[in-house]
Amino acid sequence: MDTDTERSDETWSWMKEVMPFAAMLMVACMDMGVLTIVKAAMNDGMSSIVYIVYHDALGIFILLPFFIIGFIR
């Protein structure tokens, strides 16, 4: 019976081993995509101040529901 619990502790976990690297790769790819879009927008004449305002507003709209839900709980 002890060997079963030892074996279950030593089993390979896809979520623990692969998922952090996959998430890190996805974030890096999305970051490069956003930087490419920003570079194209800046080359076409978009002001850096306008970009910062849009970036911060989008961040607020994405994170605000999570803050409100966490505050209510």
N, C-alpha and C. Protein backbone atom coordinates (compact mmCIF):
# COMPACT_ATOMS: atom_id res chain seq x y z
N MET A 1 0.82 -1.18 0.00
CA MET A 1 0.00 0.00 0.00
C MET A 1 0.87 1.26 0.00
N ASP A 2 2.01 1.20 0.66
CA ASP A 2 2.90 2.36 0.66
C ASP A 2 3.46 2.63 -0.73
N THR A 3 3.66 1.57 -1.51
CA THR A 3 4.21 1.78 -2.85
C THR A 3 3.22 2.48 -3.76
N ASP A 4 1.91 2.28 -3.53
CA ASP A 4 0.91 2.98 -4.34
C ASP A 4 0.94 4.48 -4.08
N THR A 5 1.04 4.87 -2.80
CA THR A 5 1.08 6.30 -2.50
C THR A 5 2.39 6.91 -2.98
N GLU A 6 3.48 6.20 -2.87
CA GLU A 6 4.75 6.71 -3.38
C GLU A 6 4.70 6.85 -4.89
N ARG A 7 4.10 5.90 -5.55
CA ARG A 7 4.00 5.92 -7.01
C ARG A 7 3.10 7.07 -7.46
N SER A 8 2.01 7.34 -6.73
CA SER A 8 1.12 8.42 -7.13
C SER A 8 1.78 9.79 -6.91
N ASP A 9 2.67 9.91 -5.94
CA ASP A 9 3.38 11.17 -5.71
C ASP A 9 4.43 11.40 -6.78
N GLU A 10 4.96 10.34 -7.35
CA GLU A 10 6.04 10.45 -8.32
C GLU A 10 5.55 10.47 -9.76
N THR A 11 4.25 10.40 -9.99
CA THR A 11 3.74 10.39 -11.36
C THR A 11 3.97 11.74 -12.00
N TRP A 12 4.13 11.70 -13.31
CA TRP A 12 4.40 12.92 -14.07
C TRP A 12 3.12 13.71 -14.21
N SER A 13 3.18 14.97 -13.89
CA SER A 13 1.99 15.83 -13.98
C SER A 13 2.18 16.82 -15.12
N TRP A 14 1.31 16.74 -16.10
CA TRP A 14 1.38 17.63 -17.24
C TRP A 14 1.16 19.07 -16.81
N MET A 15 0.22 19.29 -15.89
CA MET A 15 -0.09 20.64 -15.45
C MET A 15 1.07 21.28 -14.69
N LYS A 16 1.79 20.50 -13.92
CA LYS A 16 2.89 21.06 -13.13
C LYS A 16 4.17 21.20 -13.94
N GLU A 17 4.38 20.34 -14.92
CA GLU A 17 5.64 20.33 -15.65
C GLU A 17 5.60 21.15 -16.94
N VAL A 18 4.54 21.06 -17.70
CA VAL A 18 4.51 21.66 -19.03
C VAL A 18 3.77 22.99 -19.05
N MET A 19 2.74 23.13 -18.26
CA MET A 19 1.88 24.31 -18.33
C MET A 19 2.62 25.62 -18.05
N PRO A 20 3.53 25.71 -17.08
CA PRO A 20 4.24 26.98 -16.88
C PRO A 20 5.04 27.40 -18.11
N PHE A 21 5.69 26.46 -18.78
CA PHE A 21 6.47 26.78 -19.96
C PHE A 21 5.57 27.17 -21.13
N ALA A 22 4.44 26.49 -21.26
CA ALA A 22 3.50 26.83 -22.33
C ALA A 22 2.91 28.22 -22.10
N ALA A 23 2.59 28.54 -20.86
CA ALA A 23 2.05 29.86 -20.55
C ALA A 23 3.10 30.94 -20.80
N MET A 24 4.34 30.66 -20.42
CA MET A 24 5.42 31.62 -20.65
C MET A 24 5.63 31.86 -22.14
N LEU A 25 5.56 30.81 -22.94
CA LEU A 25 5.71 30.93 -24.38
C LEU A 25 4.56 31.73 -25.00
N MET A 26 3.34 31.48 -24.53
CA MET A 26 2.18 32.23 -25.03
C MET A 26 2.30 33.71 -24.70
N VAL A 27 2.72 34.04 -23.49
CA VAL A 27 2.86 35.43 -23.10
C VAL A 27 3.94 36.11 -23.93
N ALA A 28 5.05 35.42 -24.18
CA ALA A 28 6.11 36.00 -25.01
C ALA A 28 5.63 36.25 -26.44
N CYS A 29 4.88 35.30 -27.00
CA CYS A 29 4.36 35.47 -28.36
C CYS A 29 3.35 36.61 -28.43
N MET A 30 2.46 36.71 -27.45
CA MET A 30 1.50 37.80 -27.43
C MET A 30 2.20 39.15 -27.25
N ASP A 31 3.24 39.19 -26.44
CA ASP A 31 3.99 40.41 -26.23
C ASP A 31 4.65 40.87 -27.53
N MET A 32 5.22 39.94 -28.27
CA MET A 32 5.84 40.30 -29.55
C MET A 32 4.78 40.77 -30.56
N GLY A 33 3.61 40.18 -30.54
CA GLY A 33 2.52 40.62 -31.42
C GLY A 33 2.07 42.03 -31.09
N VAL A 34 1.93 42.32 -29.82
CA VAL A 34 1.51 43.66 -29.40
C VAL A 34 2.59 44.68 -29.76
N LEU A 35 3.85 44.33 -29.53
CA LEU A 35 4.93 45.25 -29.88
C LEU A 35 4.98 45.53 -31.38
N THR A 36 4.69 44.52 -32.19
CA THR A 36 4.66 44.71 -33.64
C THR A 36 3.52 45.66 -34.04
N ILE A 37 2.36 45.49 -33.45
CA ILE A 37 1.22 46.37 -33.74
C ILE A 37 1.52 47.80 -33.28
N VAL A 38 2.13 47.94 -32.11
CA VAL A 38 2.47 49.27 -31.60
C VAL A 38 3.49 49.94 -32.52
N LYS A 39 4.48 49.19 -32.96
CA LYS A 39 5.50 49.74 -33.87
C LYS A 39 4.85 50.24 -35.16
N ALA A 40 3.92 49.46 -35.70
CA ALA A 40 3.23 49.88 -36.93
C ALA A 40 2.39 51.13 -36.68
N ALA A 41 1.72 51.20 -35.53
CA ALA A 41 0.89 52.36 -35.22
C ALA A 41 1.76 53.61 -35.00
N MET A 42 2.88 53.44 -34.34
CA MET A 42 3.77 54.58 -34.10
C MET A 42 4.39 55.07 -35.42
N ASN A 43 4.69 54.17 -36.34
CA ASN A 43 5.25 54.56 -37.63
C ASN A 43 4.23 55.32 -38.48
N ASP A 44 2.94 55.05 -38.26
CA ASP A 44 1.89 55.74 -39.02
C ASP A 44 1.50 57.08 -38.40
N GLY A 45 2.13 57.44 -37.29
CA GLY A 45 1.90 58.77 -36.72
C GLY A 45 1.11 58.80 -35.44
N MET A 46 0.87 57.68 -34.81
CA MET A 46 0.15 57.69 -33.53
C MET A 46 1.05 58.28 -32.44
N SER A 47 0.50 59.17 -31.67
CA SER A 47 1.26 59.80 -30.59
C SER A 47 1.49 58.81 -29.46
N SER A 48 2.64 58.91 -28.81
CA SER A 48 2.92 58.00 -27.70
C SER A 48 1.99 58.26 -26.52
N ILE A 49 1.56 59.51 -26.35
CA ILE A 49 0.62 59.83 -25.26
C ILE A 49 -0.73 59.15 -25.51
N VAL A 50 -1.20 59.17 -26.75
CA VAL A 50 -2.46 58.50 -27.09
C VAL A 50 -2.34 57.00 -26.84
N TYR A 51 -1.21 56.41 -27.21
CA TYR A 51 -1.01 54.98 -26.96
C TYR A 51 -1.05 54.68 -25.48
N ILE A 52 -0.40 55.49 -24.67
CA ILE A 52 -0.38 55.26 -23.22
C ILE A 52 -1.78 55.35 -22.63
N VAL A 53 -2.56 56.35 -23.08
CA VAL A 53 -3.94 56.49 -22.58
C VAL A 53 -4.78 55.28 -22.97
N TYR A 54 -4.69 54.85 -24.24
CA TYR A 54 -5.44 53.67 -24.68
C TYR A 54 -4.99 52.42 -23.92
N HIS A 55 -3.72 52.27 -23.72
CA HIS A 55 -3.17 51.10 -23.02
C HIS A 55 -3.69 51.05 -21.58
N ASP A 56 -3.64 52.18 -20.89
CA ASP A 56 -4.10 52.22 -19.50
C ASP A 56 -5.61 52.03 -19.40
N ALA A 57 -6.37 52.62 -20.34
CA ALA A 57 -7.82 52.45 -20.31
C ALA A 57 -8.21 51.00 -20.56
N LEU A 58 -7.54 50.35 -21.50
CA LEU A 58 -7.83 48.94 -21.76
C LEU A 58 -7.49 48.08 -20.55
N GLY A 59 -6.38 48.38 -19.90
CA GLY A 59 -6.01 47.65 -18.69
C GLY A 59 -7.03 47.81 -17.59
N ILE A 60 -7.54 49.02 -17.44
CA ILE A 60 -8.57 49.27 -16.41
C ILE A 60 -9.83 48.46 -16.72
N PHE A 61 -10.28 48.49 -17.98
CA PHE A 61 -11.50 47.78 -18.34
C PHE A 61 -11.35 46.27 -18.21
N ILE A 62 -10.15 45.75 -18.41
CA ILE A 62 -9.93 44.30 -18.29
C ILE A 62 -9.84 43.90 -16.83
N LEU A 63 -9.15 44.70 -16.00
CA LEU A 63 -8.92 44.31 -14.61
C LEU A 63 -10.02 44.73 -13.65
N LEU A 64 -10.79 45.74 -13.99
CA LEU A 64 -11.82 46.25 -13.08
C LEU A 64 -12.86 45.21 -12.67
N PRO A 65 -13.39 44.38 -13.57
CA PRO A 65 -14.36 43.37 -13.12
C PRO A 65 -13.77 42.39 -12.10
N PHE A 66 -12.51 42.00 -12.27
CA PHE A 66 -11.89 41.10 -11.30
C PHE A 66 -11.73 41.77 -9.94
N PHE A 67 -11.40 43.06 -9.93
CA PHE A 67 -11.29 43.80 -8.68
C PHE A 67 -12.64 43.89 -7.98
N ILE A 68 -13.68 44.21 -8.75
CA ILE A 68 -15.02 44.35 -8.15
C ILE A 68 -15.49 43.01 -7.59
N ILE A 69 -15.29 41.95 -8.33
CA ILE A 69 -15.71 40.62 -7.85
C ILE A 69 -14.93 40.24 -6.60
N GLY A 70 -13.64 40.50 -6.59
CA GLY A 70 -12.83 40.19 -5.41
C GLY A 70 -13.19 41.05 -4.21
N PHE A 71 -13.57 42.30 -4.47
CA PHE A 71 -13.94 43.20 -3.38
C PHE A 71 -15.27 42.81 -2.78
N ILE A 72 -16.21 42.34 -3.61
CA ILE A 72 -17.52 41.95 -3.12
C ILE A 72 -17.43 40.68 -2.28
N ARG A 73 -16.59 39.76 -2.70
CA ARG A 73 -16.45 38.51 -1.93
C ARG A 73 -15.78 38.80 -0.65
